[in-house]
Amino acid sequence: MPLAKALELAQEYDLDLVEVAATARPPVCKLMDYGKFKYESAMKAREARKNQAHTVIKEMKLRPKIDPHDYDTKKGHVVRFLKQGDKVKITIMFRGREQSRPELGFRLLQRLANDVQDLGFVESSAKQDGRNMIMVLGPHKKKTEAMAEARAAQDARKAERLGRGQADAEADVADEDLVDDLADDDLAEDDLAEDVADEDVEDEGATQDQAEDGADADAAEKPAEVAQDA
């Protein structure tokens, strides 16, 4: 197809004319939405990077006469690295006369390997390297599996937070309904009090009318008595 006709066709369909095979004879072009194509390509590359696993070697340094508390802290870091699917390089550093006691470092490395055997294995046995002794631990779990489990745990935490937020919102609605019910009860009690007050007023009016009728009757009887006396 001539280039002019291809450009005219691209304008007709509101698309872009993109060269996909420049070395071909004749060159090959394609009608497409180039902005959408770039966006989809970027998203695919992002997903590929997310699922890509890079083998990382972490390093942890110890001394032959390490304090028990420091040992527990260092072991916690090693456990975390192995759970993430990373290899761990353990280095025992000898200083001064400690270099004449390599068995101390060897026993410490064996102890650490036994403590984390559920998560990793000895990939490279302990060996002397100058003033240091080195051992490499490898994880039982692959990096991709560790990443998948971490994402699943993160999604579960998000779902739990959303569920907790929804429960709090429902609780707030229930509290508002309870407040409305209490307000309605207060209004009903006010209406009842007003009705009782009205009844009391009516009773007082009736009592007053009866008293006035009695007074009128007494006034009517008194002249008759006066006339009788006269």
Protein backbone atom coordinates (compact mmCIF):
# COMPACT_ATOMS: atom_id res chain seq x y z
CA MET A 1 0.00 0.00 0.00
CA PRO A 2 1.39 3.45 -0.83
CA LEU A 3 2.42 5.54 2.17
CA ALA A 4 0.01 8.34 1.31
CA LYS A 5 -2.92 5.94 1.20
CA ALA A 6 -1.88 4.35 4.51
CA LEU A 7 -1.72 7.78 6.16
CA GLU A 8 -5.11 8.66 4.75
CA LEU A 9 -6.53 5.39 6.12
CA ALA A 10 -5.05 6.08 9.56
CA GLN A 11 -6.63 9.54 9.61
CA GLU A 12 -9.96 8.09 8.56
CA TYR A 13 -10.04 5.66 11.50
CA ASP A 14 -8.39 8.13 13.90
CA LEU A 15 -5.43 5.80 14.48
CA ASP A 16 -1.64 5.96 14.25
CA LEU A 17 0.52 4.47 11.52
CA VAL A 18 3.34 2.67 13.34
CA GLU A 19 6.34 1.03 11.67
CA VAL A 20 6.78 -2.45 13.16
CA ALA A 21 9.38 -3.97 10.78
CA ALA A 22 11.73 -1.33 9.44
CA THR A 23 14.21 -3.81 7.90
CA ALA A 24 11.61 -5.61 5.79
CA ARG A 25 11.30 -4.82 2.10
CA PRO A 26 8.92 -3.12 1.84
CA PRO A 27 8.74 -1.93 5.49
CA VAL A 28 5.77 -3.20 7.49
CA CYS A 29 3.49 -0.75 9.30
CA LYS A 30 0.45 -1.23 11.51
CA LEU A 31 -2.61 0.85 12.29
CA MET A 32 -3.03 1.16 16.06
CA ASP A 33 -3.68 3.47 18.98
CA TYR A 34 -0.05 4.11 19.84
CA GLY A 35 -0.81 5.70 23.26
CA LYS A 36 -2.82 2.66 24.32
CA PHE A 37 -0.09 0.38 22.99
CA LYS A 38 2.59 2.15 25.06
CA TYR A 39 0.42 2.00 28.20
CA GLU A 40 -0.25 -1.73 27.81
CA SER A 41 3.44 -2.40 27.15
CA ALA A 42 4.41 -0.50 30.31
CA MET A 43 1.87 -2.43 32.39
CA LYS A 44 3.14 -5.78 31.05
CA ALA A 45 6.72 -4.82 31.87
CA ARG A 46 5.66 -3.77 35.35
CA GLU A 47 3.93 -7.10 35.98
CA ALA A 48 6.98 -8.95 34.68
CA ARG A 49 9.25 -7.04 37.07
CA LYS A 50 6.87 -7.73 39.96
CA ASN A 51 7.00 -11.49 39.36
CA GLN A 52 10.72 -11.52 38.68
CA ALA A 53 12.81 -13.00 41.47
CA HIS A 54 16.34 -11.73 42.12
CA THR A 55 18.61 -13.93 44.17
CA VAL A 56 20.06 -11.79 46.94
CA ILE A 57 22.82 -12.83 49.32
CA LYS A 58 22.49 -11.21 52.72
CA GLU A 59 25.42 -11.11 55.13
CA MET A 60 25.44 -11.49 58.89
CA LYS A 61 28.61 -11.03 60.94
CA LEU A 62 29.20 -12.60 64.35
CA ARG A 63 32.01 -12.81 66.88
CA PRO A 64 33.14 -16.13 68.44
CA LYS A 65 32.28 -14.94 71.97
CA ILE A 66 28.96 -13.34 71.11
CA ASP A 67 26.52 -12.49 73.90
CA PRO A 68 23.39 -14.75 74.05
CA HIS A 69 21.06 -11.79 73.57
CA ASP A 70 23.05 -10.57 70.55
CA TYR A 71 23.01 -14.11 69.16
CA ASP A 72 19.22 -14.26 69.39
CA THR A 73 18.97 -10.90 67.60
CA LYS A 74 21.31 -12.02 64.80
CA LYS A 75 19.47 -15.32 64.48
CA GLY A 76 16.17 -13.42 64.13
CA HIS A 77 17.61 -11.51 61.16
CA VAL A 78 18.80 -14.77 59.56
CA VAL A 79 15.32 -16.28 60.02
CA ARG A 80 13.73 -13.25 58.38
CA PHE A 81 16.12 -13.40 55.41
CA LEU A 82 15.48 -17.11 54.88
CA LYS A 83 11.70 -16.59 55.05
CA GLN A 84 12.05 -14.00 52.29
CA GLY A 85 13.80 -16.61 50.13
CA ASP A 86 17.27 -15.01 50.30
CA LYS A 87 20.61 -16.69 50.88
CA VAL A 88 22.57 -15.70 53.97
CA LYS A 89 26.34 -15.50 54.25
CA ILE A 90 27.44 -16.00 57.86
CA THR A 91 30.84 -14.55 58.73
CA ILE A 92 32.65 -15.24 62.00
CA MET A 93 35.27 -12.55 62.67
CA PHE A 94 38.33 -13.54 64.69
CA ARG A 95 40.43 -10.93 66.43
CA GLY A 96 43.80 -11.27 68.19
CA ARG A 97 44.27 -14.57 70.02
CA GLU A 98 40.83 -15.76 68.85
CA GLN A 99 42.52 -16.79 65.60
CA SER A 100 44.14 -19.69 67.44
CA ARG A 101 40.70 -21.07 68.39
CA PRO A 102 38.88 -21.67 65.06
CA GLU A 103 36.79 -24.42 66.70
CA LEU A 104 34.83 -21.70 68.54
CA GLY A 105 33.64 -20.24 65.25
CA PHE A 106 32.92 -23.66 63.80
CA ARG A 107 30.75 -24.63 66.79
CA LEU A 108 28.88 -21.30 66.55
CA LEU A 109 28.16 -21.85 62.84
CA GLN A 110 26.94 -25.39 63.51
CA ARG A 111 24.66 -24.11 66.27
CA LEU A 112 23.15 -21.47 64.00
CA ALA A 113 22.65 -23.99 61.17
CA ASN A 114 20.80 -26.33 63.56
CA ASP A 115 18.62 -23.49 64.89
CA VAL A 116 17.38 -22.52 61.39
CA GLN A 117 17.32 -25.96 59.76
CA ASP A 118 13.52 -25.73 59.30
CA LEU A 119 13.95 -22.68 57.06
CA GLY A 120 17.33 -23.22 55.39
CA PHE A 121 20.17 -25.61 54.72
CA VAL A 122 23.95 -25.35 54.61
CA GLU A 123 24.74 -24.53 51.01
CA SER A 124 28.45 -23.91 51.60
CA SER A 125 30.14 -25.51 54.60
CA ALA A 126 32.22 -23.49 57.04
CA LYS A 127 35.69 -22.69 55.79
CA GLN A 128 38.51 -20.45 56.95
CA ASP A 129 39.14 -17.31 54.90
CA GLY A 130 42.04 -15.38 56.44
CA ARG A 131 40.92 -14.08 59.81
CA ASN A 132 37.27 -14.93 59.07
CA MET A 133 35.25 -18.14 58.85
CA ILE A 134 32.42 -18.20 56.29
CA MET A 135 29.32 -20.35 55.82
CA VAL A 136 26.44 -19.86 53.37
CA LEU A 137 22.83 -20.81 54.18
CA GLY A 138 20.28 -21.37 51.43
CA PRO A 139 16.49 -21.17 51.90
CA HIS A 140 14.21 -24.17 51.47
CA LYS A 141 11.59 -21.86 49.95
CA LYS A 142 12.07 -20.31 46.54
CA LYS A 143 12.06 -16.54 46.14
CA THR A 144 8.91 -16.58 43.98
CA GLU A 145 7.02 -18.64 46.58
CA ALA A 146 8.09 -16.28 49.37
CA MET A 147 6.97 -13.28 47.33
CA ALA A 148 3.59 -14.91 46.59
CA GLU A 149 3.04 -15.69 50.28
CA ALA A 150 4.01 -12.15 51.27
CA ARG A 151 1.52 -10.69 48.76
CA ALA A 152 -1.20 -13.07 50.00
CA ALA A 153 -0.54 -12.05 53.61
CA GLN A 154 -0.66 -8.37 52.62
CA ASP A 155 -3.99 -8.88 50.82
CA ALA A 156 -5.36 -10.71 53.86
CA ARG A 157 -4.35 -7.83 56.14
CA LYS A 158 -6.03 -5.34 53.79
CA ALA A 159 -9.21 -7.41 53.74
CA GLU A 160 -9.15 -7.64 57.53
CA ARG A 161 -8.76 -3.86 57.84
CA LEU A 162 -11.64 -3.30 55.41
CA GLY A 163 -13.82 -5.77 57.32
CA ARG A 164 -12.94 -4.07 60.60
CA GLY A 165 -13.85 -0.70 59.13
CA GLN A 166 -17.19 -2.01 57.88
CA ALA A 167 -17.95 -3.50 61.30
CA ASP A 168 -17.14 -0.17 62.96
CA ALA A 169 -19.43 1.62 60.51
CA GLU A 170 -22.27 -0.82 61.28
CA ALA A 171 -21.67 -0.31 65.00
CA ASP A 172 -21.89 3.46 64.52
CA VAL A 173 -25.19 3.06 62.66
CA ALA A 174 -26.51 0.86 65.49
CA ASP A 175 -25.47 3.47 68.05
CA GLU A 176 -27.23 6.19 66.05
CA ASP A 177 -30.40 4.05 65.91
CA LEU A 178 -30.20 3.52 69.68
CA VAL A 179 -29.85 7.26 70.23
CA ASP A 180 -32.87 7.89 67.98
CA ASP A 181 -34.90 5.30 69.93
CA LEU A 182 -33.94 6.93 73.23
CA ALA A 183 -34.91 10.33 71.84
CA ASP A 184 -38.28 8.92 70.75
CA ASP A 185 -38.79 7.46 74.24
CA ASP A 186 -37.99 10.84 75.78
CA LEU A 187 -40.52 12.52 73.47
CA ALA A 188 -43.14 9.91 74.41
CA GLU A 189 -42.48 10.51 78.12
CA ASP A 190 -42.79 14.27 77.56
CA ASP A 191 -46.13 13.76 75.79
CA LEU A 192 -47.32 11.52 78.63
CA ALA A 193 -46.29 14.15 81.21
CA GLU A 194 -48.18 16.83 79.27
CA ASP A 195 -51.28 14.60 79.14
CA VAL A 196 -51.08 14.02 82.90
CA ALA A 197 -50.68 17.76 83.48
CA ASP A 198 -53.73 18.46 81.31
CA GLU A 199 -55.72 15.90 83.29
CA ASP A 200 -54.63 17.55 86.56
CA VAL A 201 -55.74 20.94 85.24
CA GLU A 202 -59.08 19.48 84.23
CA ASP A 203 -59.50 17.88 87.69
CA GLU A 204 -58.66 21.18 89.40
CA GLY A 205 -61.20 22.98 87.19
CA ALA A 206 -63.88 20.43 88.01
CA THR A 207 -63.15 20.69 91.74
CA GLN A 208 -63.31 24.47 91.55
CA ASP A 209 -66.67 24.33 89.71
CA GLN A 210 -68.07 21.97 92.32
CA ALA A 211 -66.89 24.33 95.10
CA GLU A 212 -68.56 27.30 93.42
CA ASP A 213 -71.81 25.34 93.00
CA GLY A 214 -71.73 24.44 96.70
CA ALA A 215 -71.15 28.07 97.68
CA ASP A 216 -74.11 29.19 95.55
CA ALA A 217 -76.31 26.58 97.18
CA ASP A 218 -75.30 27.75 100.68
CA ALA A 219 -76.02 31.37 99.73
CA ALA A 220 -79.47 30.39 98.51
CA GLU A 221 -80.33 28.56 101.75
CA LYS A 222 -79.15 31.39 104.05
CA PRO A 223 -81.91 33.96 103.12
CA ALA A 224 -84.54 31.33 103.84
CA GLU A 225 -83.08 30.70 107.26
CA VAL A 226 -82.93 34.48 107.96
CA ALA A 227 -86.56 34.83 106.91
CA GLN A 228 -87.52 31.96 109.21
CA ASP A 229 -85.78 33.65 112.14
CA ALA A 230 -87.49 36.93 111.37
